[in-house]
Amino acid sequence: MALVSDNTDPLARKAVEQDDAAFDAQSTTTTLVSSGDLTGVDDRYRRKSEMVNAAFARIGMGLYQWELFVLAGFGWFTDNVWLQGVAIILPQVRVEFNIAEDRISIMTISLYVGLLLGATFWGFFSDVWGRKVSFNLTLLFAGVFGTAAAGAPTFVGLGFLLALVGFFVGGNLPVDTSLFLEFVPPSHQWLLTVLSVFWPLGQLVASLVAWPLIVNFSCGTGGYVGDGTCTKTDNLGWRYTFITLGGLTLLQFILRVFVFKMHESPKYLLAKGRDEEAVAMLAEVAKRNRKPVILTLADLQAVDALFDSREAAGIKEDMSIEEKEKARAAINAPAALPNDTSIQAANRVPGSNALLRQSFEKFSLRKVKALFCTPKMAYSTGLIILLWGTIGLAYPLYNAFLPTYLANRAAESGGGLNATYRNYAIISSLGVPGSLLGGIMVELPYLGRKGTLAISTLLTGVFLFLFTTATTQAAILGYNCASSLTQNTMYAVLYAATAETFPAPSRGTGNGICSAFNRVCGLVAPIIVLGIELSSNAPLYVSASLFLAAGLAALLLPFETRGKANL
């Protein structure tokens, strides 16, 4: 692209038109999520991001992205394996530490405090220091503290360790979602919905691990350790379950770090002004996929040169052709060359104190403000956060205590401990086709993200209401299987649509805020349950009502991201 500063009208007009046409040609063939006045992304980054999207479209969906699909899925798997792992062990923890049924939810509160802090911290962390570091650390320490929780000697000690598990688990979904989305070509963004298949897999694995261990190495739920009917050594099933889940988490960390060579997100690097590294990362992905490199540093530097000249002349994207001509005509004097002193100052490496100060200066509200930069973007962000919060309260009111609900219903209908965990495993298995169904539905023309999210959320509420009426084992199992299918479709779409709506410079922050608000409301759920017998249907009524409200609210989302490339 030529940078023209001729002040004659015809040439100036032609130069401006050529600049704009060149960048239009570099855009991907798919439409962007929203226009520049909606996303809060500056035009310099936007045009570089379009070039990266075009590069990924040329590279295609290859070996690197499929490997990343699996490794990013580990984060989804780990999130739910620990959410459900804690839910599964509650009856046996209550037996071991002699905790009243209306107080056992304290363990869930501990976990959600950690999830809340982790979602907030790791979301911001990934936008400031990178996706790659967060991607690996969250799994490492979740595995370490999860395994340590198996040895907790007291109820308080277990709660503290679960809070630490939650802190590191809470960072997985905001970070892993952003990372995968920023490597996938625009034509395959729908895979972000399918990625959620690992979430119900986590629940399924947790239930399959716990089923034989808890059934064969646990006391019944009628007494407690120390009352003469049971000893601590008879109730080790929940500890064995945690050791197994902790080992699986550490194994996933090893695969991420030592088996697969992970690269930093090119869009994160662009947002940080590290263009050379971004091009190098694209070259590595192209090499891995056996495709030619089609974006160079010179291409990105040409964007900088153009915008530098425009900024010097006061040219803005929303100016008319005539206004741009006048601004270009004002650029006549050559730029002054830097003297030796200024060159030395520019190349001087800052000391450790300066580096530390610069790192902390990166934390600002600028990334948050970008999510609310215009009325439409503010409305979209606010509604998305509201959806996350509503679903965040509804989901744990049901799922965090599902094994307890099933145990109570099994006792009423003549079932035992084996029937409880068998049913839990069957219910968990229905989540896998739910995520796959979401991946299909979001690409349908008349449904898209909004329609699929609304329908799946509304159906979840309906099936929960029906569950409260069930009196037989068949009805209990049937309604819960249907609910598992629809709510996993719901969560798959919610995560995908959220990540697609936010631009890359603020994507980790936006995902983190949504996830954090989800955990805040999730923290309220076990507090609501405190003092309420879980044999009551009251928590289920509240949960079902909230799902219905969230389903209606989903219809009001202003953006439909189907068929649109992310920034």
Protein backbone atom coordinates (compact mmCIF):
# COMPACT_ATOMS: atom_id res chain seq x y z
CA MET A 1 0.00 0.00 0.00
CA ALA A 2 1.39 3.39 -0.96
CA LEU A 3 1.55 6.24 1.51
CA VAL A 4 0.80 9.42 -0.51
CA SER A 5 1.28 12.97 0.72
CA ASP A 6 0.73 14.81 -2.58
CA ASN A 7 -1.50 17.83 -2.01
CA THR A 8 -3.17 17.84 -5.43
CA ASP A 9 -6.80 16.91 -5.16
CA PRO A 10 -7.02 14.02 -7.68
CA LEU A 11 -3.93 12.24 -6.39
CA ALA A 12 -4.84 12.77 -2.77
CA ARG A 13 -8.32 11.40 -3.37
CA LYS A 14 -6.91 8.38 -5.17
CA ALA A 15 -4.41 7.69 -2.38
CA VAL A 16 -7.07 7.74 0.28
CA GLU A 17 -9.33 5.46 -1.73
CA GLN A 18 -6.45 3.03 -2.39
CA ASP A 19 -5.57 2.86 1.30
CA ASP A 20 -9.15 2.07 2.29
CA ALA A 21 -9.63 -0.45 -0.53
CA ALA A 22 -6.37 -2.23 0.34
CA PHE A 23 -7.45 -2.82 3.89
CA ASP A 24 -10.92 -3.90 2.81
CA ALA A 25 -9.31 -6.52 0.58
CA GLN A 26 -7.28 -7.84 3.50
CA SER A 27 -10.40 -8.46 5.61
CA THR A 28 -11.77 -11.95 5.87
CA THR A 29 -14.73 -12.91 3.76
CA THR A 30 -16.87 -13.27 6.90
CA THR A 31 -18.35 -10.27 8.67
CA LEU A 32 -16.85 -8.93 11.85
CA VAL A 33 -18.75 -9.27 15.10
CA SER A 34 -19.53 -5.57 15.19
CA SER A 35 -18.35 -2.28 13.84
CA GLY A 36 -15.55 -0.26 15.38
CA ASP A 37 -17.89 2.05 17.25
CA LEU A 38 -19.32 -0.92 19.14
CA THR A 39 -16.36 -2.98 20.28
CA GLY A 40 -14.02 -0.36 21.70
CA VAL A 41 -11.12 -1.63 19.57
CA ASP A 42 -8.90 0.99 17.96
CA ASP A 43 -8.67 0.92 14.17
CA ARG A 44 -4.95 0.09 14.09
CA TYR A 45 -5.49 -3.12 16.06
CA ARG A 46 -8.70 -3.87 14.16
CA ARG A 47 -6.99 -3.89 10.79
CA LYS A 48 -4.10 -6.00 12.02
CA SER A 49 -6.62 -8.40 13.56
CA GLU A 50 -8.40 -8.66 10.22
CA MET A 51 -5.09 -9.56 8.60
CA VAL A 52 -4.49 -12.27 11.23
CA ASN A 53 -8.01 -13.61 10.63
CA ALA A 54 -7.23 -13.77 6.91
CA ALA A 55 -3.95 -15.56 7.69
CA PHE A 56 -5.72 -18.18 9.82
CA ALA A 57 -8.34 -18.60 7.10
CA ARG A 58 -5.50 -19.42 4.68
CA ILE A 59 -3.72 -21.69 7.15
CA GLY A 60 -6.99 -23.48 7.86
CA MET A 61 -8.00 -25.90 10.59
CA GLY A 62 -4.97 -28.14 10.88
CA LEU A 63 -3.05 -30.35 13.28
CA TYR A 64 -2.09 -27.51 15.64
CA GLN A 65 -5.67 -26.38 16.20
CA TRP A 66 -6.95 -29.92 16.71
CA GLU A 67 -4.28 -30.58 19.32
CA LEU A 68 -5.14 -27.26 20.97
CA PHE A 69 -8.82 -28.25 20.87
CA VAL A 70 -8.05 -31.26 23.06
CA LEU A 71 -5.70 -29.38 25.41
CA ALA A 72 -8.12 -26.47 25.83
CA GLY A 73 -10.78 -29.07 26.52
CA PHE A 74 -8.74 -30.14 29.55
CA GLY A 75 -9.68 -26.82 31.17
CA TRP A 76 -13.40 -27.45 30.65
CA PHE A 77 -12.95 -31.02 31.89
CA THR A 78 -11.13 -29.91 35.03
CA ASP A 79 -13.68 -27.22 35.85
CA ASN A 80 -16.57 -29.65 36.00
CA VAL A 81 -14.66 -32.63 37.35
CA TRP A 82 -14.01 -30.64 40.54
CA LEU A 83 -17.45 -29.02 40.69
CA GLN A 84 -19.07 -32.44 40.50
CA GLY A 85 -16.34 -34.11 42.55
CA VAL A 86 -17.19 -31.87 45.51
CA ALA A 87 -20.93 -32.44 45.00
CA ILE A 88 -20.39 -36.21 44.92
CA ILE A 89 -18.47 -36.45 48.20
CA LEU A 90 -20.79 -34.26 50.31
CA PRO A 91 -22.87 -37.14 51.75
CA GLN A 92 -19.73 -39.01 52.86
CA VAL A 93 -18.01 -35.87 54.20
CA ARG A 94 -21.12 -35.20 56.28
CA VAL A 95 -20.90 -38.73 57.68
CA GLU A 96 -17.19 -38.48 58.50
CA PHE A 97 -17.24 -35.10 60.22
CA ASN A 98 -20.76 -35.41 61.69
CA ILE A 99 -22.12 -32.31 59.94
CA ALA A 100 -25.84 -31.53 59.84
CA GLU A 101 -27.44 -31.79 56.39
CA ASP A 102 -28.36 -28.11 56.40
CA ARG A 103 -24.71 -27.15 57.04
CA ILE A 104 -22.86 -29.37 54.58
CA SER A 105 -23.26 -26.69 51.88
CA ILE A 106 -20.39 -24.83 53.60
CA MET A 107 -18.06 -27.00 51.47
CA THR A 108 -19.74 -25.70 48.31
CA ILE A 109 -19.43 -22.14 49.60
CA SER A 110 -15.67 -22.66 50.10
CA LEU A 111 -15.26 -23.93 46.56
CA TYR A 112 -17.26 -21.04 45.07
CA VAL A 113 -15.27 -18.42 46.99
CA GLY A 114 -12.17 -19.80 45.30
CA LEU A 115 -13.90 -19.97 41.91
CA LEU A 116 -14.98 -16.35 42.22
CA LEU A 117 -11.51 -15.06 43.08
CA GLY A 118 -9.88 -17.29 40.46
CA ALA A 119 -12.16 -16.24 37.61
CA THR A 120 -11.51 -12.57 38.36
CA PHE A 121 -7.77 -12.88 38.82
CA TRP A 122 -6.92 -15.20 35.93
CA GLY A 123 -9.15 -13.33 33.47
CA PHE A 124 -7.25 -10.08 34.09
CA PHE A 125 -3.93 -11.94 34.35
CA SER A 126 -4.33 -13.48 30.89
CA ASP A 127 -4.93 -10.05 29.31
CA VAL A 128 -1.86 -8.56 31.01
CA TRP A 129 0.77 -11.31 31.12
CA GLY A 130 -0.52 -13.64 28.45
CA ARG A 131 -2.74 -16.66 27.86
CA LYS A 132 0.04 -19.24 27.86
CA VAL A 133 1.21 -18.78 31.47
CA SER A 134 -2.34 -18.81 32.81
CA PHE A 135 -3.18 -21.80 30.61
CA ASN A 136 -0.56 -23.94 32.36
CA LEU A 137 -0.50 -22.68 35.95
CA THR A 138 -4.23 -23.17 36.54
CA LEU A 139 -4.04 -26.91 35.89
CA LEU A 140 -0.83 -27.43 37.85
CA PHE A 141 -2.01 -25.98 41.14
CA ALA A 142 -5.58 -27.28 40.80
CA GLY A 143 -4.08 -30.78 40.71
CA VAL A 144 -1.71 -30.13 43.61
CA PHE A 145 -4.34 -28.73 45.99
CA GLY A 146 -7.00 -31.21 44.83
CA THR A 147 -4.75 -34.11 45.74
CA ALA A 148 -3.86 -32.44 49.05
CA ALA A 149 -7.58 -32.11 49.89
CA ALA A 150 -7.79 -35.90 50.01
CA GLY A 151 -5.69 -35.79 53.17
CA ALA A 152 -7.66 -33.03 54.95
CA PRO A 153 -7.83 -33.95 58.67
CA THR A 154 -10.72 -31.63 59.59
CA PHE A 155 -13.87 -30.13 58.08
CA VAL A 156 -12.31 -26.64 58.23
CA GLY A 157 -9.10 -27.86 56.60
CA LEU A 158 -11.04 -29.45 53.78
CA GLY A 159 -12.95 -26.21 53.19
CA PHE A 160 -9.69 -24.22 53.00
CA LEU A 161 -8.14 -26.61 50.48
CA LEU A 162 -11.30 -26.60 48.37
CA ALA A 163 -11.13 -22.81 48.22
CA LEU A 164 -7.58 -23.10 46.82
CA VAL A 165 -8.72 -25.70 44.30
CA GLY A 166 -11.49 -23.32 43.24
CA PHE A 167 -9.07 -20.41 42.83
CA PHE A 168 -7.04 -22.26 40.21
CA VAL A 169 -9.93 -24.16 38.61
CA GLY A 170 -11.80 -20.86 38.26
CA GLY A 171 -9.25 -19.56 35.75
CA ASN A 172 -9.60 -22.41 33.29
CA LEU A 173 -12.71 -21.49 31.33
CA PRO A 174 -12.02 -17.74 30.82
CA VAL A 175 -8.45 -18.40 29.69
CA ASP A 176 -8.91 -21.59 27.67
CA THR A 177 -11.92 -20.21 25.79
CA SER A 178 -10.00 -17.06 24.78
CA LEU A 179 -6.91 -18.99 23.75
CA PHE A 180 -8.69 -21.49 21.54
CA LEU A 181 -10.86 -18.84 19.86
CA GLU A 182 -7.79 -16.77 18.97
CA PHE A 183 -6.13 -19.67 17.10
CA VAL A 184 -9.11 -21.07 15.21
CA PRO A 185 -9.90 -19.88 11.65
CA PRO A 186 -13.17 -17.94 11.26
CA SER A 187 -14.78 -20.84 9.38
CA HIS A 188 -14.42 -23.08 12.44
CA GLN A 189 -15.47 -20.77 15.27
CA TRP A 190 -18.46 -23.06 15.85
CA LEU A 191 -15.99 -25.51 17.39
CA LEU A 192 -15.94 -23.26 20.45
CA THR A 193 -19.42 -24.58 21.19
CA VAL A 194 -18.33 -28.19 20.62
CA LEU A 195 -15.32 -27.60 22.89
CA SER A 196 -17.75 -27.64 25.80
CA VAL A 197 -18.19 -31.40 25.27
CA PHE A 198 -15.28 -31.78 27.67
CA TRP A 199 -17.38 -30.17 30.42
CA PRO A 200 -19.95 -33.00 30.69
CA LEU A 201 -17.10 -35.45 30.17
CA GLY A 202 -15.66 -34.08 33.41
CA GLN A 203 -18.92 -34.76 35.20
CA LEU A 204 -19.14 -38.24 33.66
CA VAL A 205 -15.58 -39.17 34.67
CA ALA A 206 -16.12 -37.83 38.19
CA SER A 207 -19.25 -39.96 38.56
CA LEU A 208 -17.60 -43.09 37.13
CA VAL A 209 -14.58 -42.66 39.41
CA ALA A 210 -16.72 -42.06 42.50
CA TRP A 211 -19.29 -44.77 41.85
CA PRO A 212 -17.14 -47.85 42.73
CA LEU A 213 -14.95 -46.03 45.26
CA ILE A 214 -17.73 -44.49 47.34
CA VAL A 215 -20.07 -47.49 47.12
CA ASN A 216 -17.34 -49.93 48.22
CA PHE A 217 -15.35 -47.76 50.64
CA SER A 218 -17.96 -45.71 52.50
CA CYS A 219 -20.23 -45.82 55.49
CA GLY A 220 -23.95 -45.61 54.97
CA THR A 221 -25.64 -42.22 55.30
CA GLY A 222 -27.66 -43.19 58.37
CA GLY A 223 -24.92 -42.73 60.98
CA TYR A 224 -21.54 -41.03 61.28
CA VAL A 225 -17.93 -41.83 62.08
CA GLY A 226 -17.54 -42.23 65.84
CA ASP A 227 -21.06 -43.34 66.69
CA GLY A 228 -20.06 -47.01 66.80
CA THR A 229 -21.58 -47.88 63.41
CA CYS A 230 -18.65 -46.70 61.26
CA THR A 231 -14.93 -45.88 61.49
CA LYS A 232 -12.79 -43.45 59.53
CA THR A 233 -11.06 -46.29 57.69
CA ASP A 234 -14.46 -47.53 56.53
CA ASN A 235 -15.18 -44.14 54.91
CA LEU A 236 -12.13 -43.55 52.69
CA GLY A 237 -14.03 -43.65 49.41
CA TRP A 238 -14.30 -39.86 49.08
CA ARG A 239 -10.56 -39.49 49.77
CA TYR A 240 -9.71 -42.09 47.12
CA THR A 241 -11.96 -40.17 44.71
CA PHE A 242 -10.04 -36.92 45.31
CA ILE A 243 -6.67 -38.63 44.92
CA THR A 244 -7.79 -40.00 41.54
CA LEU A 245 -9.22 -36.68 40.31
CA GLY A 246 -6.07 -34.83 41.47
CA GLY A 247 -3.88 -37.31 39.60
CA LEU A 248 -5.93 -36.86 36.42
CA THR A 249 -5.55 -33.07 36.68
CA LEU A 250 -1.77 -33.31 37.08
CA LEU A 251 -1.59 -35.72 34.13
CA GLN A 252 -3.33 -33.12 31.96
CA PHE A 253 -0.82 -30.49 33.08
CA ILE A 254 2.06 -32.77 32.05
CA LEU A 255 0.52 -33.30 28.62
CA ARG A 256 0.07 -29.53 28.14
CA VAL A 257 3.60 -28.58 29.13
CA PHE A 258 5.85 -31.47 28.17
CA VAL A 259 4.09 -33.15 25.23
CA PHE A 260 2.54 -30.28 23.28
CA LYS A 261 4.42 -27.12 22.28
CA MET A 262 2.07 -24.29 23.16
CA HIS A 263 2.35 -20.82 21.54
CA GLU A 264 1.17 -17.47 22.83
CA SER A 265 -1.94 -16.05 21.15
CA PRO A 266 -1.04 -13.85 18.12
CA LYS A 267 -3.95 -11.51 18.88
CA TYR A 268 -2.75 -11.06 22.46
CA LEU A 269 0.70 -10.21 21.08
CA LEU A 270 -0.84 -7.74 18.61
CA ALA A 271 -2.74 -6.06 21.42
CA LYS A 272 0.56 -5.65 23.28
CA GLY A 273 2.35 -4.18 20.25
CA ARG A 274 4.56 -7.26 19.85
CA ASP A 275 4.00 -7.65 16.12
CA GLU A 276 7.23 -9.51 15.37
CA GLU A 277 6.36 -12.22 17.90
CA ALA A 278 2.80 -12.43 16.54
CA VAL A 279 4.13 -13.08 13.03
CA ALA A 280 6.56 -15.68 14.40
CA MET A 281 3.70 -17.48 16.16
CA LEU A 282 1.68 -17.53 12.94
CA ALA A 283 4.70 -18.96 11.13
CA GLU A 284 4.98 -21.72 13.73
CA VAL A 285 1.31 -22.64 13.36
CA ALA A 286 1.61 -22.60 9.54
CA LYS A 287 4.67 -24.85 9.76
CA ARG A 288 2.83 -27.24 12.10
CA ASN A 289 -0.07 -27.37 9.63
CA ARG A 290 2.32 -27.68 6.67
CA LYS A 291 1.04 -24.50 5.08
CA PRO A 292 3.04 -21.52 3.71
CA VAL A 293 3.48 -18.35 5.75
CA ILE A 294 1.21 -15.67 4.29
CA LEU A 295 1.67 -12.75 6.70
CA THR A 296 4.92 -10.88 7.25
CA LEU A 297 6.16 -8.27 9.69
CA ALA A 298 6.34 -5.81 6.80
CA ASP A 299 2.58 -6.18 6.29
CA LEU A 300 1.91 -5.17 9.89
CA GLN A 301 4.50 -2.38 9.78
CA ALA A 302 2.71 -0.96 6.74
CA VAL A 303 -0.41 -0.66 8.89
CA ASP A 304 1.59 1.23 11.52
CA ALA A 305 3.06 3.52 8.88
CA LEU A 306 -0.34 4.33 7.49
CA PHE A 307 -1.90 5.06 10.86
CA ASP A 308 1.13 7.03 12.02
CA SER A 309 0.76 9.28 8.97
CA ARG A 310 -2.96 9.60 9.54
CA GLU A 311 -2.53 10.43 13.21
CA ALA A 312 0.10 13.02 12.36
CA ALA A 313 -2.37 14.65 9.99
CA GLY A 314 -5.33 14.25 12.31
CA ILE A 315 -7.05 11.78 9.98
CA LYS A 316 -9.73 9.58 11.52
CA GLU A 317 -11.60 6.57 10.14
CA ASP A 318 -14.97 8.30 10.19
CA MET A 319 -13.80 11.30 8.11
CA SER A 320 -15.12 11.93 4.62
CA ILE A 321 -12.83 11.71 1.58
CA GLU A 322 -12.60 15.53 1.42
CA GLU A 323 -11.62 15.78 5.08
CA LYS A 324 -8.94 13.14 4.59
CA GLU A 325 -7.59 15.04 1.55
CA LYS A 326 -7.17 18.23 3.53
CA ALA A 327 -5.42 16.42 6.35
CA ARG A 328 -3.04 14.65 3.97
CA ALA A 329 -2.21 17.91 2.20
CA ALA A 330 -1.02 19.29 5.55
CA ILE A 331 1.79 16.73 5.67
CA ASN A 332 4.60 18.46 3.76
CA ALA A 333 7.57 18.67 6.08
CA PRO A 334 9.74 15.54 6.46
CA ALA A 335 9.88 14.02 9.90
CA ALA A 336 12.90 15.03 11.98
CA LEU A 337 15.51 12.30 12.38
CA PRO A 338 16.23 11.29 15.95
CA ASN A 339 19.61 12.32 17.37
CA ASP A 340 22.02 9.89 19.02
CA THR A 341 20.74 10.71 22.50
CA SER A 342 17.14 9.91 21.64
CA ILE A 343 18.16 6.64 19.96
CA GLN A 344 20.11 5.59 23.07
CA ALA A 345 17.16 6.49 25.27
CA ALA A 346 14.76 4.48 23.11
CA ASN A 347 16.98 1.40 23.25
CA ARG A 348 17.83 1.63 26.93
CA VAL A 349 16.72 -1.47 28.86
CA PRO A 350 14.72 -0.49 31.95
CA GLY A 351 15.94 -1.58 35.34
CA SER A 352 14.15 -4.13 37.53
CA ASN A 353 12.27 -1.43 39.47
CA ALA A 354 11.04 0.17 36.25
CA LEU A 355 9.96 -3.19 34.85
CA LEU A 356 8.04 -3.96 38.03
CA ARG A 357 6.37 -0.55 37.93
CA GLN A 358 5.46 -0.98 34.25
CA SER A 359 3.92 -4.39 34.98
CA PHE A 360 1.61 -3.04 37.65
CA GLU A 361 0.72 -0.05 35.47
CA LYS A 362 -0.79 -2.53 33.00
CA PHE A 363 -3.62 -3.16 35.44
CA SER A 364 -6.16 -0.47 34.67
CA LEU A 365 -9.85 -0.08 34.05
CA ARG A 366 -9.22 0.59 30.35
CA LYS A 367 -9.98 -3.01 29.39
CA VAL A 368 -13.16 -2.95 31.44
CA LYS A 369 -14.26 0.40 29.97
CA ALA A 370 -13.82 -1.03 26.45
CA LEU A 371 -16.63 -3.48 27.23
CA PHE A 372 -19.01 -0.55 27.88
CA CYS A 373 -17.67 1.96 25.32
CA THR A 374 -20.96 2.61 23.50
CA PRO A 375 -24.63 2.27 24.50
CA LYS A 376 -25.15 -0.86 22.39
CA MET A 377 -21.94 -2.50 23.60
CA ALA A 378 -22.78 -1.57 27.20
CA TYR A 379 -26.27 -3.06 26.81
CA SER A 380 -24.82 -6.25 25.30
CA THR A 381 -22.16 -6.63 27.98
CA GLY A 382 -24.61 -5.88 30.79
CA LEU A 383 -27.15 -8.41 29.52
CA ILE A 384 -24.48 -11.08 29.04
CA ILE A 385 -23.26 -10.55 32.61
CA LEU A 386 -26.86 -10.73 33.85
CA LEU A 387 -27.35 -14.03 32.02
CA TRP A 388 -24.18 -15.43 33.54
CA GLY A 389 -25.33 -14.38 37.00
CA THR A 390 -28.86 -15.77 36.67
CA ILE A 391 -27.64 -19.11 35.34
CA GLY A 392 -24.81 -19.04 37.89
CA LEU A 393 -27.39 -19.02 40.70
CA ALA A 394 -29.78 -21.49 39.07
CA TYR A 395 -27.18 -24.13 38.13
CA PRO A 396 -25.67 -24.92 41.57
CA LEU A 397 -29.06 -24.83 43.31
CA TYR A 398 -29.67 -28.00 41.31
CA ASN A 399 -26.33 -29.52 40.28
CA ALA A 400 -24.21 -28.84 43.36
CA PHE A 401 -26.60 -30.95 45.42
CA LEU A 402 -27.78 -33.43 42.77
CA PRO A 403 -26.19 -36.49 44.46
CA THR A 404 -27.93 -35.48 47.69
CA TYR A 405 -31.26 -34.99 45.90
CA LEU A 406 -30.85 -38.40 44.25
CA ALA A 407 -29.93 -40.05 47.55
CA ASN A 408 -33.04 -38.62 49.22
CA ARG A 409 -35.29 -39.68 46.30
CA ALA A 410 -33.65 -43.14 46.25
CA ALA A 411 -34.37 -43.58 49.95
CA GLU A 412 -37.99 -42.59 49.41
CA SER A 413 -38.45 -45.02 46.52
CA GLY A 414 -36.51 -47.92 48.02
CA GLY A 415 -33.16 -47.43 46.23
CA GLY A 416 -29.73 -47.54 47.89
CA LEU A 417 -26.27 -46.00 47.59
CA ASN A 418 -25.49 -48.02 44.46
CA ALA A 419 -28.68 -46.82 42.75
CA THR A 420 -27.83 -43.20 43.62
CA TYR A 421 -24.39 -43.22 41.99
CA ARG A 422 -25.52 -45.41 39.09
CA ASN A 423 -28.23 -42.86 38.25
CA TYR A 424 -25.76 -40.02 38.65
CA ALA A 425 -23.42 -41.64 36.11
CA ILE A 426 -26.28 -42.15 33.63
CA ILE A 427 -27.43 -38.53 34.03
CA SER A 428 -23.85 -37.29 33.53
CA SER A 429 -23.50 -39.23 30.27
CA LEU A 430 -26.37 -37.26 28.69
CA GLY A 431 -24.34 -34.05 28.91
CA VAL A 432 -21.99 -35.18 26.11
CA PRO A 433 -24.61 -35.30 23.32
CA GLY A 434 -25.99 -32.04 24.74
CA SER A 435 -22.78 -30.20 23.87
CA LEU A 436 -22.60 -31.83 20.43
CA LEU A 437 -26.23 -30.87 19.81
CA GLY A 438 -25.36 -27.26 20.68
CA GLY A 439 -22.56 -27.30 18.07
CA ILE A 440 -25.08 -28.25 15.39
CA MET A 441 -27.90 -25.92 16.46
CA VAL A 442 -25.79 -22.73 16.64
CA GLU A 443 -25.09 -22.93 12.90
CA LEU A 444 -28.74 -23.29 11.88
CA PRO A 445 -29.98 -20.13 10.07
CA TYR A 446 -33.11 -19.48 12.12
CA LEU A 447 -31.61 -20.37 15.50
CA GLY A 448 -27.99 -19.26 15.70
CA ARG A 449 -26.46 -18.52 19.11
CA LYS A 450 -29.40 -16.57 20.53
CA GLY A 451 -32.12 -19.02 19.57
CA THR A 452 -30.22 -22.08 20.75
CA LEU A 453 -29.35 -20.42 24.06
CA ALA A 454 -32.95 -19.36 24.69
CA ILE A 455 -34.53 -22.73 23.82
CA SER A 456 -32.05 -24.85 25.79
CA THR A 457 -32.31 -22.62 28.87
CA LEU A 458 -36.13 -22.59 28.83
CA LEU A 459 -36.29 -26.38 28.46
CA THR A 460 -33.90 -26.82 31.39
CA GLY A 461 -36.32 -24.90 33.61
CA VAL A 462 -39.28 -26.95 32.38
CA PHE A 463 -37.57 -30.29 33.09
CA LEU A 464 -36.57 -29.18 36.59
CA PHE A 465 -40.17 -28.31 37.40
CA LEU A 466 -41.17 -31.78 36.19
CA PHE A 467 -38.44 -33.36 38.36
CA THR A 468 -40.16 -32.00 41.48
CA THR A 469 -43.26 -34.04 40.57
CA ALA A 470 -41.39 -37.35 40.06
CA THR A 471 -42.21 -40.18 42.46
CA THR A 472 -40.70 -43.21 40.71
CA GLN A 473 -37.08 -44.07 39.89
CA ALA A 474 -37.88 -44.05 36.15
CA ALA A 475 -39.38 -40.54 36.28
CA ILE A 476 -36.55 -39.22 38.45
CA LEU A 477 -33.95 -40.58 36.04
CA GLY A 478 -35.82 -39.46 32.91
CA TYR A 479 -36.35 -35.83 33.90
CA ASN A 480 -32.79 -35.48 35.14
CA CYS A 481 -31.38 -36.96 31.93
CA ALA A 482 -33.42 -34.50 29.87
CA SER A 483 -32.24 -31.61 32.06
CA SER A 484 -28.61 -32.73 31.74
CA LEU A 485 -28.93 -32.72 27.94
CA THR A 486 -30.44 -29.22 27.69
CA GLN A 487 -28.30 -27.48 30.30
CA ASN A 488 -25.08 -28.68 28.67
CA THR A 489 -26.34 -27.32 25.36
CA MET A 490 -27.08 -24.05 27.19
CA TYR A 491 -23.63 -23.70 28.74
CA ALA A 492 -21.90 -24.63 25.47
CA VAL A 493 -23.62 -21.80 23.63
CA LEU A 494 -23.27 -19.30 26.48
CA TYR A 495 -19.47 -19.67 26.62
CA ALA A 496 -19.08 -19.54 22.84
CA ALA A 497 -21.32 -16.51 22.27
CA THR A 498 -19.69 -14.59 25.13
CA ALA A 499 -16.15 -15.10 23.84
CA GLU A 500 -17.17 -14.26 20.25
CA THR A 501 -18.82 -10.98 21.30
CA PHE A 502 -15.80 -9.57 23.18
CA PRO A 503 -12.74 -8.32 21.18
CA ALA A 504 -9.37 -9.97 21.86
CA PRO A 505 -7.70 -7.06 23.78
CA SER A 506 -10.45 -7.29 26.41
CA ARG A 507 -11.62 -10.86 25.85
CA GLY A 508 -9.88 -12.36 28.88
CA THR A 509 -11.16 -9.50 31.04
CA GLY A 510 -14.71 -9.83 29.69
CA ASN A 511 -14.74 -13.60 30.10
CA GLY A 512 -13.27 -13.20 33.57
CA ILE A 513 -15.92 -10.67 34.66
CA CYS A 514 -18.73 -12.90 33.39
CA SER A 515 -17.24 -15.97 35.02
CA ALA A 516 -16.66 -14.06 38.26
CA PHE A 517 -20.26 -12.82 38.40
CA ASN A 518 -21.35 -16.38 37.64
CA ARG A 519 -19.35 -17.54 40.68
CA VAL A 520 -20.66 -14.70 42.86
CA CYS A 521 -24.20 -15.82 42.20
CA GLY A 522 -23.13 -19.43 42.52
CA LEU A 523 -21.80 -18.58 45.95
CA VAL A 524 -25.27 -17.36 46.92
CA ALA A 525 -26.79 -20.77 46.09
CA PRO A 526 -25.31 -22.76 48.99
CA ILE A 527 -26.04 -19.82 51.30
CA ILE A 528 -29.71 -20.04 50.27
CA VAL A 529 -29.62 -23.76 51.03
CA LEU A 530 -28.19 -23.18 54.53
CA GLY A 531 -30.91 -23.97 57.01
CA ILE A 532 -33.10 -25.73 54.40
CA GLU A 533 -33.47 -29.49 54.34
CA LEU A 534 -32.39 -30.75 50.92
CA SER A 535 -35.35 -33.13 50.93
CA SER A 536 -37.46 -30.02 50.27
CA ASN A 537 -38.29 -28.97 46.68
CA ALA A 538 -37.82 -25.25 47.46
CA PRO A 539 -34.27 -24.97 45.97
CA LEU A 540 -35.47 -26.75 42.82
CA TYR A 541 -38.41 -24.36 42.38
CA VAL A 542 -36.05 -21.37 42.61
CA SER A 543 -33.58 -22.96 40.18
CA ALA A 544 -36.25 -23.79 37.59
CA SER A 545 -37.74 -20.28 37.76
CA LEU A 546 -34.33 -18.68 37.22
CA PHE A 547 -33.65 -20.85 34.17
CA LEU A 548 -36.97 -19.77 32.65
CA ALA A 549 -36.14 -16.10 33.27
CA ALA A 550 -32.67 -16.49 31.73
CA GLY A 551 -34.14 -18.17 28.65
CA LEU A 552 -36.43 -15.22 28.02
CA ALA A 553 -33.60 -12.73 28.61
CA ALA A 554 -31.41 -14.50 26.02
CA LEU A 555 -33.86 -13.44 23.31
CA LEU A 556 -32.98 -9.80 24.03
CA LEU A 557 -29.25 -10.10 23.16
CA PRO A 558 -28.41 -7.45 20.51
CA PHE A 559 -25.67 -9.39 18.69
CA GLU A 560 -25.94 -12.64 16.75
CA THR A 561 -22.38 -13.89 16.20
CA ARG A 562 -23.23 -16.74 13.82
CA GLY A 563 -21.14 -16.45 10.64
CA LYS A 564 -19.02 -13.56 11.94
CA ALA A 565 -15.27 -13.55 12.57
CA ASN A 566 -14.02 -12.59 16.01
CA LEU A 567 -11.68 -9.62 16.50
